[in-house]
């Protein structure tokens, strides 16, 4: 960020008297609510930091690291005693005291917009580090950021910064968010669509390579015939012979080359009968494989449409949660898993996935389905009676997005899983429910 902009933002922040709440909304962004309702976001990404305002920024998860615990403990419901730009550098320093404390306890929140050393540091009155977003050792910088150690001042900049006057700081903060989000959104869409297109091409290639039922049945008959002919010509077949000349029932000769040698003709016939049996089984179950691949292809197409239709980065981040590597937990490829502000949301990609999410859901989990039409089944995992309405709305939108690409108003029913009775497969009955409207025209 420009030093000139930070100076003007600090003057803007001086109008506030309290910090109502402070927490992370993603790995590097801090949300600070001033005077109960004025939320300002501090993006502390290295070499790409910024300050912005927006209507709403969904919380990707609830953070409970030591930094987050201290941040909440020291600054939630605190009084602002002063805000300054420390030593005229790119460091916003907010001096606070808890309003409910018996003895006034001074704490500093230091937001450092210093390039690769961008950081958020919580300090006590003696300038000792209580916690930090990033801990920095002496091998990385002359200025150590370590809990329990006193923090050194940043060396003054060797130049005079140019001034960039802002007409309206608040409008500027909103524009920062809009510009950043538009650029990031376009880049993320391009990246994620390319990733999904790669998966789609792979699935379409597998689908194109599927044998036809007619070909498999003919293959089964051929191997069955070869097996019978081997038994009929057993007396003329020599041990370990690779090229067989079998006399057919009509007197013609059929030449068959074996992939490997066999000790006797009975082993050869058994091999052909096994191949015939496998071809019959593949022909019988071919429709299952076709339906599975077809449903996966349709799901990826809906996924691509949902990504292209996303209007903010938060939606893309919701669609592509960070995966936790756990070798013990086998991923079910018929279920899509999302995380909305810490709530696990599972969506069936196809009928098999719909059956799985229904079967594995607990009684208090929330089930969602589009009203009076086939759709993906969605489960929100929760032990709480009162689920936040924004979580239900976000899950309902996923239910619609992964069912249809139409632009319209849709109704989605939701109810606790205990109210849903499975009839057959993914067909269900439910009586007690609520309905929410999802408008995809927006």
Protein backbone atom coordinates (compact mmCIF):
# COMPACT_ATOMS: atom_id res chain seq x y z
CA UNK A 1 0.00 0.00 0.00
CA UNK A 2 1.04 3.60 -0.64
CA UNK A 3 2.21 5.51 2.44
CA UNK A 4 0.11 8.50 1.39
CA UNK A 5 -3.05 6.36 1.38
CA UNK A 6 -2.21 4.88 4.79
CA UNK A 7 -1.85 8.40 6.26
CA UNK A 8 -5.31 9.34 5.03
CA UNK A 9 -6.83 6.05 6.19
CA UNK A 10 -5.39 6.59 9.69
CA UNK A 11 -7.09 10.01 9.81
CA UNK A 12 -10.32 8.29 8.76
CA UNK A 13 -9.92 5.63 11.49
CA UNK A 14 -9.48 8.27 14.20
CA UNK A 15 -13.24 8.93 14.19
CA UNK A 16 -13.87 5.51 15.80
CA UNK A 17 -13.86 5.05 19.58
CA UNK A 18 -14.27 1.27 20.02
CA UNK A 19 -13.33 -2.07 18.51
CA UNK A 20 -16.40 -4.28 18.81
CA UNK A 21 -14.82 -7.43 17.32
CA UNK A 22 -11.66 -8.58 15.57
CA UNK A 23 -11.07 -11.93 13.86
CA UNK A 24 -9.62 -13.54 10.76
CA UNK A 25 -11.93 -14.20 7.83
CA UNK A 26 -9.25 -16.10 5.90
CA UNK A 27 -5.58 -16.99 6.40
CA UNK A 28 -4.29 -13.44 5.89
CA UNK A 29 -7.28 -11.10 6.24
CA UNK A 30 -8.36 -9.53 9.55
CA UNK A 31 -11.86 -8.16 9.99
CA UNK A 32 -12.13 -5.36 12.55
CA UNK A 33 -15.59 -4.10 13.48
CA UNK A 34 -15.40 -0.51 14.73
CA UNK A 35 -18.17 1.06 16.80
CA UNK A 36 -20.45 -2.03 16.62
CA UNK A 37 -21.22 -1.98 12.88
CA UNK A 38 -18.44 -0.45 10.76
CA UNK A 39 -16.39 -3.39 9.42
CA UNK A 40 -13.01 -2.77 7.81
CA UNK A 41 -10.85 -5.57 6.37
CA UNK A 42 -7.06 -5.62 6.56
CA UNK A 43 -5.56 -7.90 3.93
CA UNK A 44 -2.09 -8.73 5.27
CA UNK A 45 -0.83 -10.82 2.36
CA UNK A 46 2.92 -10.45 1.87
CA UNK A 47 3.85 -7.91 -0.84
CA UNK A 48 0.18 -7.53 -1.75
CA UNK A 49 -1.45 -5.99 1.31
CA UNK A 50 -4.47 -3.70 1.30
CA UNK A 51 -7.28 -2.23 3.37
CA UNK A 52 -10.84 -2.43 2.09
CA UNK A 53 -14.54 -2.29 2.89
CA UNK A 54 -17.32 -4.39 1.39
CA UNK A 55 -20.94 -5.27 2.04
CA UNK A 56 -20.07 -8.77 3.30
CA UNK A 57 -17.04 -11.03 3.25
CA UNK A 58 -17.87 -14.64 4.20
CA UNK A 59 -15.68 -16.18 6.87
CA UNK A 60 -13.89 -19.19 5.32
CA UNK A 61 -13.48 -20.90 8.70
CA UNK A 62 -13.23 -20.24 12.43
CA UNK A 63 -9.57 -19.83 13.44
CA UNK A 64 -8.43 -20.95 16.90
CA UNK A 65 -4.66 -20.51 16.72
CA UNK A 66 -2.94 -18.70 19.65
CA UNK A 67 -2.86 -15.51 17.55
CA UNK A 68 -6.65 -15.64 17.07
CA UNK A 69 -7.31 -16.35 20.75
CA UNK A 70 -5.20 -13.36 21.86
CA UNK A 71 -6.70 -11.16 19.12
CA UNK A 72 -10.23 -11.82 20.37
CA UNK A 73 -9.30 -11.67 24.06
CA UNK A 74 -7.45 -8.34 23.84
CA UNK A 75 -9.55 -6.42 21.29
CA UNK A 76 -13.17 -7.60 21.36
CA UNK A 77 -15.20 -4.87 23.10
CA UNK A 78 -12.13 -2.68 23.65
CA UNK A 79 -11.81 1.11 23.79
CA UNK A 80 -9.56 2.88 21.28
CA UNK A 81 -7.12 5.19 23.07
CA UNK A 82 -5.26 6.27 19.96
CA UNK A 83 -4.47 5.46 16.32
CA UNK A 84 -1.27 6.58 14.62
CA UNK A 85 1.08 5.86 11.75
CA UNK A 86 4.15 4.70 13.68
CA UNK A 87 7.20 6.89 13.00
CA UNK A 88 5.60 8.07 9.77
CA UNK A 89 6.11 4.60 8.24
CA UNK A 90 3.71 2.03 6.76
CA UNK A 91 2.66 0.78 10.20
CA UNK A 92 -0.78 1.46 11.69
CA UNK A 93 -0.64 1.26 15.48
CA UNK A 94 -3.91 1.07 17.42
CA UNK A 95 -3.71 1.60 21.18
CA UNK A 96 -6.57 -0.02 23.13
CA UNK A 97 -7.81 -0.91 26.60
CA UNK A 98 -10.53 -3.39 27.50
CA UNK A 99 -13.67 -1.62 28.66
CA UNK A 100 -14.63 -4.46 31.02
CA UNK A 101 -11.23 -4.95 32.66
CA UNK A 102 -10.91 -4.26 36.39
CA UNK A 103 -7.51 -2.71 35.80
CA UNK A 104 -6.79 -0.88 32.56
CA UNK A 105 -4.65 -3.16 30.41
CA UNK A 106 -3.03 -1.44 27.45
CA UNK A 107 -2.62 -3.45 24.23
CA UNK A 108 -1.27 -2.38 20.86
CA UNK A 109 -2.48 -3.81 17.56
CA UNK A 110 0.25 -3.17 15.02
CA UNK A 111 -0.66 -3.61 11.34
CA UNK A 112 2.56 -3.52 9.32
CA UNK A 113 2.28 -3.01 5.55
CA UNK A 114 6.00 -3.52 4.96
CA UNK A 115 6.31 -5.64 1.81
CA UNK A 116 7.60 -9.15 2.41
CA UNK A 117 7.59 -8.51 6.19
CA UNK A 118 3.88 -7.55 6.22
CA UNK A 119 2.50 -8.64 9.59
CA UNK A 120 -0.03 -8.19 12.37
CA UNK A 121 1.61 -7.98 15.79
CA UNK A 122 -0.08 -7.79 19.20
CA UNK A 123 2.03 -5.99 21.82
CA UNK A 124 1.71 -5.15 25.49
CA UNK A 125 2.43 -1.74 27.01
CA UNK A 126 6.18 -2.53 27.16
CA UNK A 127 6.31 -3.31 23.43
CA UNK A 128 6.70 -7.03 24.15
CA UNK A 129 5.19 -9.37 21.55
CA UNK A 130 2.10 -11.21 22.84
CA UNK A 131 1.36 -12.87 19.51
CA UNK A 132 1.78 -12.29 15.77
CA UNK A 133 0.26 -13.44 12.51
CA UNK A 134 3.79 -14.36 11.39
CA UNK A 135 6.68 -15.19 13.71
CA UNK A 136 10.03 -14.04 12.30
CA UNK A 137 13.42 -15.28 13.54
CA UNK A 138 16.83 -13.57 13.40
CA UNK A 139 17.88 -15.74 10.46
CA UNK A 140 15.17 -14.10 8.33
CA UNK A 141 15.41 -10.50 9.52
CA UNK A 142 17.34 -8.23 11.90
CA UNK A 143 13.97 -7.55 13.54
CA UNK A 144 12.84 -10.62 15.44
CA UNK A 145 9.10 -11.15 15.98
CA UNK A 146 8.87 -13.70 18.78
CA UNK A 147 6.41 -14.12 21.65
CA UNK A 148 7.85 -12.75 24.90
CA UNK A 149 10.54 -10.68 23.15
CA UNK A 150 10.59 -6.92 22.83
CA UNK A 151 9.91 -5.64 19.33
CA UNK A 152 12.43 -3.33 17.66
CA UNK A 153 11.30 -0.37 15.60
CA UNK A 154 11.46 -0.57 11.81
CA UNK A 155 14.35 1.37 10.27
CA UNK A 156 13.15 4.66 8.74
CA UNK A 157 12.63 4.72 4.97
CA UNK A 158 15.52 6.42 3.05
CA UNK A 159 13.17 8.47 0.87
CA UNK A 160 10.25 10.90 1.02
CA UNK A 161 7.00 9.33 -0.17
CA UNK A 162 4.94 11.03 -2.85
CA UNK A 163 1.47 12.26 -1.88
CA UNK A 164 -1.65 10.76 -3.49
CA UNK A 165 -4.70 12.68 -2.19
CA UNK A 166 -8.01 10.81 -1.89
CA UNK A 167 -11.32 12.58 -2.44
CA UNK A 168 -13.19 10.22 -0.13
CA UNK A 169 -11.46 7.57 1.98
CA UNK A 170 -14.55 5.40 2.43
CA UNK A 171 -15.26 5.31 -1.32
CA UNK A 172 -11.60 4.47 -1.87
CA UNK A 173 -11.82 1.51 0.55
CA UNK A 174 -14.84 0.12 -1.29
CA UNK A 175 -13.11 0.59 -4.65
CA UNK A 176 -10.00 -1.28 -3.42
CA UNK A 177 -12.16 -4.31 -2.66
CA UNK A 178 -13.96 -4.13 -5.99
CA UNK A 179 -10.76 -3.80 -8.04
CA UNK A 180 -8.95 -6.55 -6.15
CA UNK A 181 -11.90 -8.90 -6.31
CA UNK A 182 -12.50 -8.34 -10.02
CA UNK A 183 -8.87 -9.07 -10.89
CA UNK A 184 -8.63 -12.03 -8.53
CA UNK A 185 -12.00 -13.39 -9.62
CA UNK A 186 -11.07 -13.31 -13.31
CA UNK A 187 -7.78 -15.07 -12.59
CA UNK A 188 -9.37 -17.68 -10.32
CA UNK A 189 -12.14 -18.40 -12.82
CA UNK A 190 -9.61 -18.97 -15.58
CA UNK A 191 -7.50 -21.22 -13.36
CA UNK A 192 -10.37 -23.29 -11.93
CA UNK A 193 -12.23 -23.67 -15.24
CA UNK A 194 -9.00 -24.94 -16.87
CA UNK A 195 -8.67 -27.47 -14.02
CA UNK A 196 -12.28 -28.63 -14.44
CA UNK A 197 -12.01 -28.76 -18.24
CA UNK A 198 -9.06 -31.11 -17.86
CA UNK A 199 -11.15 -33.42 -15.65
CA UNK A 200 -14.06 -33.17 -18.09
CA UNK A 201 -11.92 -34.17 -21.09
CA UNK A 202 -10.58 -37.16 -19.16
CA UNK A 203 -14.11 -38.34 -18.30
CA UNK A 204 -15.36 -37.78 -21.86
CA UNK A 205 -12.40 -39.76 -23.18
CA UNK A 206 -13.25 -42.66 -20.85
CA UNK A 207 -16.90 -42.48 -21.92
CA UNK A 208 -15.94 -42.54 -25.62
CA UNK A 209 -13.78 -45.63 -25.04
CA UNK A 210 -16.60 -47.65 -23.48
CA UNK A 211 -17.38 -50.80 -25.46
CA UNK A 212 -20.87 -51.21 -26.85
CA UNK A 213 -23.11 -53.88 -25.37
CA UNK A 214 -23.36 -55.56 -28.79
CA UNK A 215 -19.55 -55.78 -29.14
CA UNK A 216 -19.19 -57.25 -25.64
CA UNK A 217 -21.87 -59.86 -26.30
CA UNK A 218 -20.17 -60.83 -29.56
CA UNK A 219 -16.85 -61.06 -27.72
CA UNK A 220 -18.43 -63.33 -25.10
CA UNK A 221 -19.83 -65.61 -27.81
CA UNK A 222 -16.46 -65.73 -29.61
CA UNK A 223 -14.52 -66.79 -26.51
CA UNK A 224 -17.22 -69.30 -25.57
CA UNK A 225 -16.91 -70.79 -29.07
CA UNK A 226 -13.09 -70.91 -28.84
CA UNK A 227 -13.31 -72.68 -25.48
CA UNK A 228 -15.62 -75.35 -26.91
CA UNK A 229 -13.44 -75.81 -30.01
CA UNK A 230 -10.33 -76.28 -27.85
CA UNK A 231 -12.08 -79.13 -25.99
CA UNK A 232 -13.26 -80.63 -29.30
CA UNK A 233 -9.70 -80.47 -30.72
CA UNK A 234 -7.92 -81.44 -27.49
CA UNK A 235 -6.31 -84.54 -29.02
CA UNK A 236 -4.49 -82.49 -31.67
CA UNK A 237 -3.23 -79.68 -29.40
CA UNK A 238 0.34 -80.10 -28.21
CA UNK A 239 1.51 -78.91 -24.75
CA UNK A 240 2.84 -75.30 -24.68
CA UNK A 241 1.73 -74.67 -28.23
CA UNK A 242 1.13 -70.94 -28.99
CA UNK A 243 -0.46 -71.14 -32.46
CA UNK A 244 -3.60 -73.24 -32.50
CA UNK A 245 -5.30 -74.55 -35.63
CA UNK A 246 -8.79 -75.53 -34.54
CA UNK A 247 -11.21 -77.40 -36.77
CA UNK A 248 -14.64 -75.76 -36.58
CA UNK A 249 -17.92 -77.66 -36.61
CA UNK A 250 -18.48 -76.83 -40.30
CA UNK A 251 -15.11 -78.33 -41.27
CA UNK A 252 -13.26 -74.98 -41.65
CA UNK A 253 -10.04 -74.25 -39.77
CA UNK A 254 -9.69 -71.35 -37.32
CA UNK A 255 -6.22 -70.10 -36.39
CA UNK A 256 -5.89 -68.74 -32.85
CA UNK A 257 -2.70 -67.28 -31.32
CA UNK A 258 -2.36 -67.50 -27.54
CA UNK A 259 -0.83 -64.76 -25.39
CA UNK A 260 1.16 -67.31 -23.42
CA UNK A 261 1.92 -71.04 -23.26
CA UNK A 262 -0.32 -73.56 -21.49
CA UNK A 263 0.58 -77.07 -20.28
CA UNK A 264 -2.59 -78.68 -21.67
CA UNK A 265 -5.70 -77.83 -23.73
CA UNK A 266 -7.98 -77.89 -20.68
CA UNK A 267 -6.18 -74.85 -19.25
CA UNK A 268 -6.60 -73.12 -22.60
CA UNK A 269 -10.33 -73.78 -22.71
CA UNK A 270 -10.70 -72.56 -19.09
CA UNK A 271 -8.95 -69.31 -20.07
CA UNK A 272 -11.37 -68.76 -22.98
CA UNK A 273 -14.42 -69.57 -20.82
CA UNK A 274 -13.20 -67.04 -18.18
CA UNK A 275 -12.80 -64.37 -20.87
CA UNK A 276 -16.29 -65.13 -22.13
CA UNK A 277 -17.71 -64.85 -18.60
CA UNK A 278 -16.00 -61.48 -18.02
CA UNK A 279 -17.27 -60.11 -21.34
CA UNK A 280 -20.83 -61.19 -20.40
CA UNK A 281 -20.54 -59.49 -17.01
CA UNK A 282 -19.22 -56.29 -18.58
CA UNK A 283 -22.09 -56.32 -21.08
CA UNK A 284 -24.59 -56.87 -18.27
CA UNK A 285 -23.24 -54.03 -16.10
CA UNK A 286 -22.26 -51.67 -18.93
CA UNK A 287 -25.28 -49.40 -18.26
CA UNK A 288 -24.07 -48.84 -14.68
CA UNK A 289 -20.66 -47.67 -15.90
CA UNK A 290 -22.29 -45.50 -18.59
CA UNK A 291 -24.65 -43.89 -16.04
CA UNK A 292 -21.77 -43.29 -13.60
CA UNK A 293 -19.56 -41.60 -16.19
CA UNK A 294 -22.48 -39.68 -17.66
CA UNK A 295 -23.49 -38.31 -14.23
CA UNK A 296 -19.89 -37.32 -13.48
CA UNK A 297 -19.64 -35.51 -16.83
CA UNK A 298 -22.89 -33.66 -16.14
CA UNK A 299 -21.69 -32.73 -12.64
CA UNK A 300 -18.43 -31.27 -14.01
CA UNK A 301 -20.39 -29.26 -16.61
CA UNK A 302 -22.59 -27.84 -13.83
CA UNK A 303 -19.44 -27.14 -11.80
CA UNK A 304 -17.92 -25.18 -14.71
CA UNK A 305 -21.15 -23.20 -15.12
CA UNK A 306 -21.22 -22.43 -11.38
CA UNK A 307 -17.62 -21.19 -11.47
CA UNK A 308 -18.28 -18.98 -14.50
CA UNK A 309 -21.40 -17.57 -12.82
CA UNK A 310 -19.61 -16.77 -9.53
CA UNK A 311 -19.78 -13.07 -8.71
CA UNK A 312 -17.11 -12.96 -6.02
CA UNK A 313 -13.91 -14.65 -4.89
CA UNK A 314 -15.60 -15.98 -1.75
CA UNK A 315 -17.85 -18.19 -3.92
CA UNK A 316 -14.81 -19.64 -5.73
CA UNK A 317 -13.07 -20.28 -2.39
CA UNK A 318 -16.22 -22.02 -1.17
CA UNK A 319 -16.31 -24.24 -4.27
CA UNK A 320 -12.66 -25.23 -3.93
CA UNK A 321 -11.92 -25.74 -0.22
CA UNK A 322 -8.39 -26.62 0.83
CA UNK A 323 -8.15 -30.39 1.10
CA UNK A 324 -6.74 -31.91 4.28
CA UNK A 325 -4.49 -34.82 3.39
CA UNK A 326 -5.60 -37.85 5.37
CA UNK A 327 -4.63 -41.25 4.00
CA UNK A 328 -6.94 -43.00 6.47
CA UNK A 329 -10.05 -41.27 5.09
CA UNK A 330 -11.01 -42.49 1.63
CA UNK A 331 -12.64 -39.78 -0.48
CA UNK A 332 -16.02 -40.70 -1.98
CA UNK A 333 -15.96 -39.60 -5.62
CA UNK A 334 -19.76 -39.49 -5.77
CA UNK A 335 -19.95 -36.75 -3.11
CA UNK A 336 -18.74 -33.14 -3.34
CA UNK A 337 -17.68 -31.58 -0.04
CA UNK A 338 -17.73 -27.82 0.67
CA UNK A 339 -17.05 -25.74 3.78
CA UNK A 340 -19.18 -22.67 4.56
CA UNK A 341 -17.88 -20.68 7.54
CA UNK A 342 -16.73 -23.86 9.24
CA UNK A 343 -19.87 -25.91 8.44
CA UNK A 344 -19.34 -29.06 6.38
CA UNK A 345 -21.72 -29.24 3.42
CA UNK A 346 -22.00 -32.46 1.36
CA UNK A 347 -23.66 -32.67 -2.04
CA UNK A 348 -24.52 -35.80 -4.03
CA UNK A 349 -23.02 -35.71 -7.54
CA UNK A 350 -25.40 -38.43 -8.75
CA UNK A 351 -27.94 -40.94 -7.45
CA UNK A 352 -25.23 -42.95 -5.72
CA UNK A 353 -23.93 -39.79 -4.03
CA UNK A 354 -27.45 -38.74 -3.02
CA UNK A 355 -27.99 -42.14 -1.39
CA UNK A 356 -24.65 -41.87 0.43
CA UNK A 357 -25.26 -38.40 1.91
CA UNK A 358 -28.70 -39.50 3.11
CA UNK A 359 -27.37 -42.72 4.61
CA UNK A 360 -24.43 -41.11 6.44
CA UNK A 361 -26.25 -38.01 7.76
CA UNK A 362 -27.09 -37.69 11.45
CA UNK A 363 -30.54 -36.88 12.82
CA UNK A 364 -29.78 -33.19 13.54
CA UNK A 365 -28.03 -32.55 10.22
CA UNK A 366 -29.97 -30.32 7.82
CA UNK A 367 -31.15 -31.83 4.53
CA UNK A 368 -31.93 -29.68 1.47
CA UNK A 369 -33.59 -30.49 -1.86
CA UNK A 370 -35.22 -28.47 -4.63
CA UNK A 371 -39.00 -28.37 -4.30
CA UNK A 372 -41.11 -30.68 -6.46
CA UNK A 373 -38.35 -31.65 -8.90
CA UNK A 374 -35.33 -33.96 -9.10
CA UNK A 375 -32.20 -32.34 -7.68
CA UNK A 376 -28.97 -32.92 -5.83
CA UNK A 377 -29.40 -33.84 -2.16
CA UNK A 378 -27.45 -31.58 0.21
CA UNK A 379 -26.56 -32.19 3.85
CA UNK A 380 -25.25 -29.57 6.30
CA UNK A 381 -23.44 -31.24 9.18
CA UNK A 382 -24.37 -29.60 12.48
CA UNK A 383 -25.20 -30.40 16.10
CA UNK A 384 -26.86 -27.02 16.61
CA UNK A 385 -30.59 -26.44 16.63
CA UNK A 386 -30.38 -22.93 15.20
CA UNK A 387 -28.28 -22.94 12.06
CA UNK A 388 -27.43 -19.43 10.76
CA UNK A 389 -29.72 -18.49 7.88
CA UNK A 390 -26.82 -17.42 5.65
CA UNK A 391 -25.39 -20.97 5.86
CA UNK A 392 -28.74 -22.45 4.78
CA UNK A 393 -28.98 -19.92 1.93
CA UNK A 394 -25.46 -20.71 0.71
CA UNK A 395 -26.17 -24.47 0.82
CA UNK A 396 -29.50 -23.96 -0.99
CA UNK A 397 -27.68 -22.05 -3.72
CA UNK A 398 -25.26 -24.97 -4.12
CA UNK A 399 -28.24 -27.33 -4.41
CA UNK A 400 -29.60 -25.25 -7.29
CA UNK A 401 -26.23 -24.59 -8.95
CA UNK A 402 -25.44 -28.30 -9.16
CA UNK A 403 -28.89 -29.19 -10.49
CA UNK A 404 -29.65 -26.67 -13.23
CA UNK A 405 -28.02 -23.91 -15.28
CA UNK A 406 -31.34 -22.08 -15.77
CA UNK A 407 -31.66 -18.46 -14.67
CA UNK A 408 -34.85 -18.27 -12.62
CA UNK A 409 -36.31 -18.25 -9.14
CA UNK A 410 -36.27 -21.67 -7.46
CA UNK A 411 -37.63 -23.02 -4.18
CA UNK A 412 -35.51 -25.25 -1.96
CA UNK A 413 -36.98 -27.23 0.94
CA UNK A 414 -34.92 -27.92 4.06
CA UNK A 415 -35.51 -29.91 7.24
CA UNK A 416 -33.56 -31.94 9.83
CA UNK A 417 -32.47 -35.32 8.45
CA UNK A 418 -34.65 -37.09 11.05
CA UNK A 419 -37.74 -35.74 9.24
CA UNK A 420 -36.72 -37.40 5.95
CA UNK A 421 -37.89 -40.97 5.21
CA UNK A 422 -36.07 -42.89 2.49
CA UNK A 423 -38.50 -44.75 0.19
CA UNK A 424 -36.33 -46.26 -2.51
CA UNK A 425 -32.76 -45.31 -3.43
CA UNK A 426 -32.65 -41.50 -3.27
CA UNK A 427 -36.46 -41.10 -3.32
CA UNK A 428 -37.71 -39.68 -0.03
CA UNK A 429 -40.77 -38.42 1.83
CA UNK A 430 -40.78 -35.49 4.26
CA UNK A 431 -43.55 -33.53 5.95
CA UNK A 432 -42.17 -30.95 8.38
CA UNK A 433 -39.99 -28.53 6.41
CA UNK A 434 -39.26 -24.90 5.58
CA UNK A 435 -38.72 -23.40 2.14
CA UNK A 436 -36.19 -20.86 0.94
CA UNK A 437 -36.07 -19.04 -2.40
CA UNK A 438 -32.94 -18.96 -4.56
CA UNK A 439 -32.84 -16.42 -7.39
CA UNK A 440 -30.18 -17.31 -9.96
CA UNK A 441 -31.05 -14.29 -12.12
CA UNK A 442 -29.10 -11.99 -9.83
